[in-house]
């Protein structure tokens, strides 16, 4: 994880994705599943360039960036899946 502390592009991508996700959560006229799909798509739109910039600058080797990207994407999918699971158990 020490290599990630030298990679501000990843943190900028995380902040941008979080801001985009917060905006998407407030959008009216979009159903639950479309909103989740847009949040996961926004993850890819923010993080692919962030990891690409880190590799291009030579801060992380490509294989390590792919491992971190896969780990973080898995974590995001887990959190989104968890929100889907808890959404189904809420009373209306």
PDB file of N, CA and C in Angstrom:
ATOM      1  N   UNK A   1       0.810  -1.197   0.000  1.00  0.00           N
ATOM      2  CA  UNK A   1       0.000   0.000   0.000  1.00  0.00           C
ATOM      3  C   UNK A   1       0.854   1.261   0.000  1.00  0.00           C
ATOM      4  N   UNK A   2       2.129   1.106   0.284  1.00  0.00           N
ATOM      5  CA  UNK A   2       3.008   2.276   0.292  1.00  0.00           C
ATOM      6  C   UNK A   2       3.079   2.916  -1.089  1.00  0.00           C
ATOM      7  N   UNK A   3       3.023   2.085  -2.132  1.00  0.00           N
ATOM      8  CA  UNK A   3       3.081   2.628  -3.486  1.00  0.00           C
ATOM      9  C   UNK A   3       1.868   3.497  -3.787  1.00  0.00           C
ATOM     10  N   UNK A   4       0.725   3.162  -3.207  1.00  0.00           N
ATOM     11  CA  UNK A   4      -0.475   3.956  -3.454  1.00  0.00           C
ATOM     12  C   UNK A   4      -0.414   5.325  -2.796  1.00  0.00           C
ATOM     13  N   UNK A   5       0.365   5.451  -1.736  1.00  0.00           N
ATOM     14  CA  UNK A   5       0.474   6.764  -1.091  1.00  0.00           C
ATOM     15  C   UNK A   5       1.217   7.755  -1.986  1.00  0.00           C
ATOM     16  N   UNK A   6       1.977   7.246  -2.940  1.00  0.00           N
ATOM     17  CA  UNK A   6       2.687   8.106  -3.883  1.00  0.00           C
ATOM     18  C   UNK A   6       1.884   8.352  -5.156  1.00  0.00           C
ATOM     19  N   UNK A   7       0.649   7.889  -5.193  1.00  0.00           N
ATOM     20  CA  UNK A   7      -0.147   7.962  -6.409  1.00  0.00           C
ATOM     21  C   UNK A   7      -1.387   8.829  -6.199  1.00  0.00           C
ATOM     22  N   UNK A   8      -1.238  10.148  -6.299  1.00  0.00           N
ATOM     23  CA  UNK A   8      -2.398  11.019  -6.059  1.00  0.00           C
ATOM     24  C   UNK A   8      -3.497  10.865  -7.105  1.00  0.00           C
ATOM     25  N   UNK A   9      -3.167  10.369  -8.285  1.00  0.00           N
ATOM     26  CA  UNK A   9      -4.186  10.189  -9.316  1.00  0.00           C
ATOM     27  C   UNK A   9      -5.288   9.239  -8.885  1.00  0.00           C
ATOM     28  N   UNK A  10      -4.924   8.220  -8.118  1.00  0.00           N
ATOM     29  CA  UNK A  10      -5.918   7.258  -7.649  1.00  0.00           C
ATOM     30  C   UNK A  10      -6.856   7.925  -6.651  1.00  0.00           C
ATOM     31  N   UNK A  11      -6.311   8.729  -5.775  1.00  0.00           N
ATOM     32  CA  UNK A  11      -7.152   9.412  -4.793  1.00  0.00           C
ATOM     33  C   UNK A  11      -8.058  10.448  -5.456  1.00  0.00           C
ATOM     34  N   UNK A  12      -7.562  11.113  -6.488  1.00  0.00           N
ATOM     35  CA  UNK A  12      -8.404  12.044  -7.243  1.00  0.00           C
ATOM     36  C   UNK A  12      -9.541  11.276  -7.918  1.00  0.00           C
ATOM     37  N   UNK A  13      -9.220  10.103  -8.465  1.00  0.00           N
ATOM     38  CA  UNK A  13     -10.257   9.259  -9.062  1.00  0.00           C
ATOM     39  C   UNK A  13     -11.293   8.822  -8.046  1.00  0.00           C
ATOM     40  N   UNK A  14     -10.852   8.459  -6.844  1.00  0.00           N
ATOM     41  CA  UNK A  14     -11.788   8.060  -5.786  1.00  0.00           C
ATOM     42  C   UNK A  14     -12.700   9.215  -5.380  1.00  0.00           C
ATOM     43  N   UNK A  15     -12.128  10.389  -5.233  1.00  0.00           N
ATOM     44  CA  UNK A  15     -12.926  11.555  -4.853  1.00  0.00           C
ATOM     45  C   UNK A  15     -13.916  11.903  -5.967  1.00  0.00           C
ATOM     46  N   UNK A  16     -13.462  11.853  -7.205  1.00  0.00           N
ATOM     47  CA  UNK A  16     -14.354  12.135  -8.328  1.00  0.00           C
ATOM     48  C   UNK A  16     -15.484  11.130  -8.428  1.00  0.00           C
ATOM     49  N   UNK A  17     -15.161   9.852  -8.214  1.00  0.00           N
ATOM     50  CA  UNK A  17     -16.200   8.828  -8.260  1.00  0.00           C
ATOM     51  C   UNK A  17     -17.199   9.018  -7.124  1.00  0.00           C
ATOM     52  N   UNK A  18     -16.706   9.309  -5.932  1.00  0.00           N
ATOM     53  CA  UNK A  18     -17.604   9.509  -4.791  1.00  0.00           C
ATOM     54  C   UNK A  18     -18.532  10.699  -5.038  1.00  0.00           C
ATOM     55  N   UNK A  19     -17.995  11.776  -5.588  1.00  0.00           N
ATOM     56  CA  UNK A  19     -18.827  12.948  -5.883  1.00  0.00           C
ATOM     57  C   UNK A  19     -19.870  12.616  -6.949  1.00  0.00           C
ATOM     58  N   UNK A  20     -19.456  11.878  -7.973  1.00  0.00           N
ATOM     59  CA  UNK A  20     -20.397  11.472  -9.014  1.00  0.00           C
ATOM     60  C   UNK A  20     -21.483  10.570  -8.445  1.00  0.00           C
ATOM     61  N   UNK A  21     -21.091   9.635  -7.574  1.00  0.00           N
ATOM     62  CA  UNK A  21     -22.069   8.726  -6.963  1.00  0.00           C
ATOM     63  C   UNK A  21     -23.068   9.496  -6.107  1.00  0.00           C
ATOM     64  N   UNK A  22     -22.600  10.475  -5.363  1.00  0.00           N
ATOM     65  CA  UNK A  22     -23.518  11.277  -4.549  1.00  0.00           C
ATOM     66  C   UNK A  22     -24.505  12.056  -5.416  1.00  0.00           C
ATOM     67  N   UNK A  23     -24.030  12.566  -6.527  1.00  0.00           N
ATOM     68  CA  UNK A  23     -24.926  13.274  -7.450  1.00  0.00           C
ATOM     69  C   UNK A  23     -25.946  12.304  -8.043  1.00  0.00           C
ATOM     70  N   UNK A  24     -25.485  11.101  -8.434  1.00  0.00           N
ATOM     71  CA  UNK A  24     -26.398  10.114  -9.013  1.00  0.00           C
ATOM     72  C   UNK A  24     -27.453   9.651  -8.021  1.00  0.00           C
ATOM     73  N   UNK A  25     -27.123   9.633  -6.753  1.00  0.00           N
ATOM     74  CA  UNK A  25     -28.094   9.213  -5.742  1.00  0.00           C
ATOM     75  C   UNK A  25     -29.234  10.216  -5.593  1.00  0.00           C
ATOM     76  N   UNK A  26     -29.006  11.456  -5.988  1.00  0.00           N
ATOM     77  CA  UNK A  26     -30.027  12.501  -5.860  1.00  0.00           C
ATOM     78  C   UNK A  26     -30.853  12.712  -7.130  1.00  0.00           C
ATOM     79  N   UNK A  27     -30.494  12.029  -8.216  1.00  0.00           N
ATOM     80  CA  UNK A  27     -31.186  12.221  -9.492  1.00  0.00           C
ATOM     81  C   UNK A  27     -32.602  11.648  -9.404  1.00  0.00           C
ATOM     82  N   UNK A  28     -33.568  12.419  -9.828  1.00  0.00           N
ATOM     83  CA  UNK A  28     -34.969  11.981  -9.851  1.00  0.00           C
ATOM     84  C   UNK A  28     -35.265  11.312 -11.201  1.00  0.00           C
ATOM     85  N   UNK A  29     -36.193  10.403 -11.202  1.00  0.00           N
ATOM     86  CA  UNK A  29     -36.614   9.759 -12.439  1.00  0.00           C
ATOM     87  C   UNK A  29     -35.755   8.581 -12.858  1.00  0.00           C
ATOM     88  N   UNK A  30     -34.823   8.176 -12.025  1.00  0.00           N
ATOM     89  CA  UNK A  30     -33.978   7.024 -12.317  1.00  0.00           C
ATOM     90  C   UNK A  30     -34.300   5.963 -11.273  1.00  0.00           C
ATOM     91  N   UNK A  31     -34.631   4.745 -11.747  1.00  0.00           N
ATOM     92  CA  UNK A  31     -34.999   3.724 -10.772  1.00  0.00           C
ATOM     93  C   UNK A  31     -33.767   3.158 -10.065  1.00  0.00           C
ATOM     94  N   UNK A  32     -34.010   2.306  -9.093  1.00  0.00           N
ATOM     95  CA  UNK A  32     -32.963   1.758  -8.228  1.00  0.00           C
ATOM     96  C   UNK A  32     -31.867   1.047  -9.020  1.00  0.00           C
ATOM     97  N   UNK A  33     -32.252   0.183  -9.954  1.00  0.00           N
ATOM     98  CA  UNK A  33     -31.264  -0.609 -10.697  1.00  0.00           C
ATOM     99  C   UNK A  33     -30.468   0.258 -11.664  1.00  0.00           C
ATOM    100  N   UNK A  34     -31.117   1.199 -12.307  1.00  0.00           N
ATOM    101  CA  UNK A  34     -30.399   2.107 -13.203  1.00  0.00           C
ATOM    102  C   UNK A  34     -29.388   2.942 -12.431  1.00  0.00           C
ATOM    103  N   UNK A  35     -29.768   3.377 -11.252  1.00  0.00           N
ATOM    104  CA  UNK A  35     -28.871   4.174 -10.415  1.00  0.00           C
ATOM    105  C   UNK A  35     -27.629   3.360 -10.046  1.00  0.00           C
ATOM    106  N   UNK A  36     -27.816   2.105  -9.646  1.00  0.00           N
ATOM    107  CA  UNK A  36     -26.667   1.260  -9.287  1.00  0.00           C
ATOM    108  C   UNK A  36     -25.774   1.013 -10.497  1.00  0.00           C
ATOM    109  N   UNK A  37     -26.392   0.795 -11.657  1.00  0.00           N
ATOM    110  CA  UNK A  37     -25.612   0.596 -12.874  1.00  0.00           C
ATOM    111  C   UNK A  37     -24.784   1.836 -13.199  1.00  0.00           C
ATOM    112  N   UNK A  38     -25.374   3.002 -13.058  1.00  0.00           N
ATOM    113  CA  UNK A  38     -24.650   4.246 -13.328  1.00  0.00           C
ATOM    114  C   UNK A  38     -23.511   4.465 -12.341  1.00  0.00           C
ATOM    115  N   UNK A  39     -23.708   4.082 -11.091  1.00  0.00           N
ATOM    116  CA  UNK A  39     -22.649   4.236 -10.089  1.00  0.00           C
ATOM    117  C   UNK A  39     -21.465   3.337 -10.421  1.00  0.00           C
ATOM    118  N   UNK A  40     -21.738   2.081 -10.806  1.00  0.00           N
ATOM    119  CA  UNK A  40     -20.643   1.173 -11.170  1.00  0.00           C
ATOM    120  C   UNK A  40     -19.968   1.648 -12.454  1.00  0.00           C
ATOM    121  N   UNK A  41     -20.745   2.138 -13.417  1.00  0.00           N
ATOM    122  CA  UNK A  41     -20.151   2.663 -14.655  1.00  0.00           C
ATOM    123  C   UNK A  41     -19.285   3.889 -14.377  1.00  0.00           C
ATOM    124  N   UNK A  42     -19.736   4.733 -13.466  1.00  0.00           N
ATOM    125  CA  UNK A  42     -18.940   5.908 -13.099  1.00  0.00           C
ATOM    126  C   UNK A  42     -17.624   5.487 -12.460  1.00  0.00           C
ATOM    127  N   UNK A  43     -17.642   4.377 -11.736  1.00  0.00           N
ATOM    128  CA  UNK A  43     -16.409   3.845 -11.148  1.00  0.00           C
ATOM    129  C   UNK A  43     -15.388   3.586 -12.246  1.00  0.00           C
ATOM    130  N   UNK A  44     -15.817   2.932 -13.310  1.00  0.00           N
ATOM    131  CA  UNK A  44     -14.898   2.629 -14.406  1.00  0.00           C
ATOM    132  C   UNK A  44     -14.430   3.910 -15.100  1.00  0.00           C
ATOM    133  N   UNK A  45     -15.343   4.848 -15.292  1.00  0.00           N
ATOM    134  CA  UNK A  45     -14.975   6.096 -15.969  1.00  0.00           C
ATOM    135  C   UNK A  45     -13.943   6.905 -15.186  1.00  0.00           C
ATOM    136  N   UNK A  46     -13.978   6.842 -13.867  1.00  0.00           N
ATOM    137  CA  UNK A  46     -13.017   7.590 -13.051  1.00  0.00           C
ATOM    138  C   UNK A  46     -11.723   6.813 -12.809  1.00  0.00           C
ATOM    139  N   UNK A  47     -11.826   5.509 -12.569  1.00  0.00           N
ATOM    140  CA  UNK A  47     -10.651   4.782 -12.098  1.00  0.00           C
ATOM    141  C   UNK A  47      -9.742   4.265 -13.210  1.00  0.00           C
ATOM    142  N   UNK A  48     -10.286   3.962 -14.375  1.00  0.00           N
ATOM    143  CA  UNK A  48      -9.410   3.513 -15.462  1.00  0.00           C
ATOM    144  C   UNK A  48      -8.392   4.599 -15.818  1.00  0.00           C
ATOM    145  N   UNK A  49      -8.795   5.854 -16.042  1.00  0.00           N
ATOM    146  CA  UNK A  49      -7.779   6.885 -16.299  1.00  0.00           C
ATOM    147  C   UNK A  49      -6.860   7.140 -15.098  1.00  0.00           C
ATOM    148  N   UNK A  50      -7.391   6.994 -13.880  1.00  0.00           N
ATOM    149  CA  UNK A  50      -6.558   7.225 -12.696  1.00  0.00           C
ATOM    150  C   UNK A  50      -5.431   6.202 -12.623  1.00  0.00           C
ATOM    151  N   UNK A  51      -5.747   4.933 -12.821  1.00  0.00           N
ATOM    152  CA  UNK A  51      -4.702   3.913 -12.789  1.00  0.00           C
ATOM    153  C   UNK A  51      -3.789   4.021 -13.999  1.00  0.00           C
ATOM    154  N   UNK A  52      -4.342   4.415 -15.148  1.00  0.00           N
ATOM    155  CA  UNK A  52      -3.515   4.596 -16.335  1.00  0.00           C
ATOM    156  C   UNK A  52      -2.487   5.700 -16.117  1.00  0.00           C
ATOM    157  N   UNK A  53      -2.888   6.787 -15.476  1.00  0.00           N
ATOM    158  CA  UNK A  53      -1.960   7.887 -15.199  1.00  0.00           C
ATOM    159  C   UNK A  53      -0.853   7.447 -14.255  1.00  0.00           C
ATOM    160  N   UNK A  54      -1.201   6.625 -13.278  1.00  0.00           N
ATOM    161  CA  UNK A  54      -0.202   6.151 -12.314  1.00  0.00           C
ATOM    162  C   UNK A  54       0.829   5.260 -13.005  1.00  0.00           C
ATOM    163  N   UNK A  55       0.365   4.396 -13.895  1.00  0.00           N
ATOM    164  CA  UNK A  55       1.291   3.526 -14.629  1.00  0.00           C
ATOM    165  C   UNK A  55       2.131   4.357 -15.589  1.00  0.00           C
ATOM    166  N   UNK A  56       1.512   5.310 -16.268  1.00  0.00           N
ATOM    167  CA  UNK A  56       2.222   6.159 -17.222  1.00  0.00           C
ATOM    168  C   UNK A  56       3.329   6.966 -16.544  1.00  0.00           C
ATOM    169  N   UNK A  57       3.062   7.438 -15.319  1.00  0.00           N
ATOM    170  CA  UNK A  57       4.059   8.204 -14.578  1.00  0.00           C
ATOM    171  C   UNK A  57       5.138   7.317 -13.977  1.00  0.00           C
ATOM    172  N   UNK A  58       4.951   6.024 -14.022  1.00  0.00           N
ATOM    173  CA  UNK A  58       5.934   5.099 -13.481  1.00  0.00           C
ATOM    174  C   UNK A  58       5.865   4.926 -11.976  1.00  0.00           C
ATOM    175  N   UNK A  59       4.756   5.331 -11.356  1.00  0.00           N
ATOM    176  CA  UNK A  59       4.623   5.192  -9.907  1.00  0.00           C
ATOM    177  C   UNK A  59       4.267   3.768  -9.496  1.00  0.00           C
ATOM    178  N   UNK A  60       3.584   3.043 -10.365  1.00  0.00           N
ATOM    179  CA  UNK A  60       3.237   1.645 -10.117  1.00  0.00           C
ATOM    180  C   UNK A  60       3.491   0.849 -11.386  1.00  0.00           C
ATOM    181  N   UNK A  61       4.013  -0.371 -11.256  1.00  0.00           N
ATOM    182  CA  UNK A  61       4.085  -1.230 -12.441  1.00  0.00           C
ATOM    183  C   UNK A  61       2.672  -1.640 -12.867  1.00  0.00           C
ATOM    184  N   UNK A  62       2.517  -1.994 -14.116  1.00  0.00           N
ATOM    185  CA  UNK A  62       1.186  -2.300 -14.652  1.00  0.00           C
ATOM    186  C   UNK A  62       0.518  -3.453 -13.917  1.00  0.00           C
ATOM    187  N   UNK A  63       1.269  -4.503 -13.585  1.00  0.00           N
ATOM    188  CA  UNK A  63       0.643  -5.648 -12.914  1.00  0.00           C
ATOM    189  C   UNK A  63       0.154  -5.285 -11.513  1.00  0.00           C
ATOM    190  N   UNK A  64       0.902  -4.463 -10.803  1.00  0.00           N
ATOM    191  CA  UNK A  64       0.472  -4.045  -9.467  1.00  0.00           C
ATOM    192  C   UNK A  64      -0.749  -3.126  -9.563  1.00  0.00           C
ATOM    193  N   UNK A  65      -0.772  -2.249 -10.560  1.00  0.00           N
ATOM    194  CA  UNK A  65      -1.929  -1.370 -10.746  1.00  0.00           C
ATOM    195  C   UNK A  65      -3.170  -2.191 -11.071  1.00  0.00           C
ATOM    196  N   UNK A  66      -3.009  -3.252 -11.857  1.00  0.00           N
ATOM    197  CA  UNK A  66      -4.146  -4.116 -12.169  1.00  0.00           C
ATOM    198  C   UNK A  66      -4.635  -4.846 -10.926  1.00  0.00           C
ATOM    199  N   UNK A  67      -3.706  -5.266 -10.063  1.00  0.00           N
ATOM    200  CA  UNK A  67      -4.110  -5.937  -8.820  1.00  0.00           C
ATOM    201  C   UNK A  67      -4.870  -4.979  -7.909  1.00  0.00           C
ATOM    202  N   UNK A  68      -4.356  -3.783  -7.732  1.00  0.00           N
ATOM    203  CA  UNK A  68      -5.050  -2.789  -6.908  1.00  0.00           C
ATOM    204  C   UNK A  68      -6.405  -2.425  -7.515  1.00  0.00           C
ATOM    205  N   UNK A  69      -6.435  -2.263  -8.828  1.00  0.00           N
ATOM    206  CA  UNK A  69      -7.694  -1.937  -9.493  1.00  0.00           C
ATOM    207  C   UNK A  69      -8.728  -3.041  -9.338  1.00  0.00           C
ATOM    208  N   UNK A  70      -8.292  -4.290  -9.486  1.00  0.00           N
ATOM    209  CA  UNK A  70      -9.217  -5.414  -9.314  1.00  0.00           C
ATOM    210  C   UNK A  70      -9.706  -5.503  -7.876  1.00  0.00           C
ATOM    211  N   UNK A  71      -8.800  -5.285  -6.925  1.00  0.00           N
ATOM    212  CA  UNK A  71      -9.185  -5.337  -5.518  1.00  0.00           C
ATOM    213  C   UNK A  71     -10.190  -4.232  -5.193  1.00  0.00           C
ATOM    214  N   UNK A  72      -9.933  -3.029  -5.660  1.00  0.00           N
ATOM    215  CA  UNK A  72     -10.825  -1.907  -5.371  1.00  0.00           C
ATOM    216  C   UNK A  72     -12.163  -2.063  -6.094  1.00  0.00           C
ATOM    217  N   UNK A  73     -12.141  -2.583  -7.324  1.00  0.00           N
ATOM    218  CA  UNK A  73     -13.383  -2.823  -8.055  1.00  0.00           C
ATOM    219  C   UNK A  73     -14.215  -3.894  -7.367  1.00  0.00           C
ATOM    220  N   UNK A  74     -13.557  -4.952  -6.891  1.00  0.00           N
ATOM    221  CA  UNK A  74     -14.268  -5.982  -6.131  1.00  0.00           C
ATOM    222  C   UNK A  74     -14.905  -5.420  -4.879  1.00  0.00           C
ATOM    223  N   UNK A  75     -14.198  -4.526  -4.217  1.00  0.00           N
ATOM    224  CA  UNK A  75     -14.739  -3.895  -3.014  1.00  0.00           C
ATOM    225  C   UNK A  75     -15.956  -3.023  -3.346  1.00  0.00           C
ATOM    226  N   UNK A  76     -15.884  -2.276  -4.438  1.00  0.00           N
ATOM    227  CA  UNK A  76     -17.021  -1.450  -4.850  1.00  0.00           C
ATOM    228  C   UNK A  76     -18.216  -2.330  -5.213  1.00  0.00           C
ATOM    229  N   UNK A  77     -17.973  -3.416  -5.947  1.00  0.00           N
ATOM    230  CA  UNK A  77     -19.074  -4.311  -6.297  1.00  0.00           C
ATOM    231  C   UNK A  77     -19.688  -4.939  -5.055  1.00  0.00           C
ATOM    232  N   UNK A  78     -18.856  -5.257  -4.062  1.00  0.00           N
ATOM    233  CA  UNK A  78     -19.365  -5.804  -2.802  1.00  0.00           C
ATOM    234  C   UNK A  78     -20.257  -4.790  -2.093  1.00  0.00           C
ATOM    235  N   UNK A  79     -19.813  -3.553  -2.027  1.00  0.00           N
ATOM    236  CA  UNK A  79     -20.595  -2.511  -1.343  1.00  0.00           C
ATOM    237  C   UNK A  79     -21.909  -2.256  -2.078  1.00  0.00           C
ATOM    238  N   UNK A  80     -21.861  -2.198  -3.409  1.00  0.00           N
ATOM    239  CA  UNK A  80     -23.087  -1.992  -4.181  1.00  0.00           C
ATOM    240  C   UNK A  80     -24.023  -3.186  -4.007  1.00  0.00           C
ATOM    241  N   UNK A  81     -23.478  -4.399  -4.030  1.00  0.00           N
ATOM    242  CA  UNK A  81     -24.302  -5.594  -3.812  1.00  0.00           C
ATOM    243  C   UNK A  81     -24.898  -5.600  -2.417  1.00  0.00           C
ATOM    244  N   UNK A  82     -24.125  -5.180  -1.439  1.00  0.00           N
ATOM    245  CA  UNK A  82     -24.627  -5.106  -0.069  1.00  0.00           C
ATOM    246  C   UNK A  82     -25.770  -4.103   0.030  1.00  0.00           C
ATOM    247  N   UNK A  83     -25.642  -2.986  -0.675  1.00  0.00           N
ATOM    248  CA  UNK A  83     -26.731  -2.004  -0.648  1.00  0.00           C
ATOM    249  C   UNK A  83     -27.978  -2.554  -1.331  1.00  0.00           C
ATOM    250  N   UNK A  84     -27.800  -3.353  -2.373  1.00  0.00           N
ATOM    251  CA  UNK A  84     -28.948  -3.992  -3.029  1.00  0.00           C
ATOM    252  C   UNK A  84     -29.608  -4.965  -2.067  1.00  0.00           C
ATOM    253  N   UNK A  85     -28.804  -5.723  -1.355  1.00  0.00           N
ATOM    254  CA  UNK A  85     -29.328  -6.715  -0.414  1.00  0.00           C
ATOM    255  C   UNK A  85     -30.088  -6.041   0.723  1.00  0.00           C
ATOM    256  N   UNK A  86     -29.543  -4.976   1.262  1.00  0.00           N
ATOM    257  CA  UNK A  86     -30.218  -4.291   2.364  1.00  0.00           C
ATOM    258  C   UNK A  86     -31.426  -3.495   1.878  1.00  0.00           C
ATOM    259  N   UNK A  87     -31.384  -3.035   0.631  1.00  0.00           N
ATOM    260  CA  UNK A  87     -32.527  -2.296   0.087  1.00  0.00           C
ATOM    261  C   UNK A  87     -33.758  -3.195   0.005  1.00  0.00           C
ATOM    262  N   UNK A  88     -33.551  -4.459  -0.310  1.00  0.00           N
ATOM    263  CA  UNK A  88     -34.665  -5.390  -0.418  1.00  0.00           C
ATOM    264  C   UNK A  88     -35.282  -5.737   0.921  1.00  0.00           C
ATOM    265  N   UNK A  89     -34.558  -5.520   2.026  1.00  0.00           N
ATOM    266  CA  UNK A  89     -35.075  -5.883   3.341  1.00  0.00           C
ATOM    267  C   UNK A  89     -35.716  -4.711   4.065  1.00  0.00           C
ATOM    268  N   UNK A  90     -35.649  -3.513   3.508  1.00  0.00           N
ATOM    269  CA  UNK A  90     -36.259  -2.341   4.148  1.00  0.00           C
ATOM    270  C   UNK A  90     -37.770  -2.371   4.003  1.00  0.00           C
ATOM    271  N   UNK A  91     -38.452  -1.903   5.019  1.00  0.00           N
ATOM    272  CA  UNK A  91     -39.905  -1.776   4.908  1.00  0.00           C
ATOM    273  C   UNK A  91     -40.246  -0.441   4.258  1.00  0.00           C
ATOM    274  N   UNK A  92     -41.341  -0.424   3.531  1.00  0.00           N
ATOM    275  CA  UNK A  92     -41.710   0.796   2.798  1.00  0.00           C
ATOM    276  C   UNK A  92     -42.771   1.559   3.521  1.00  0.00           C
TER     277      UNK A  92
END
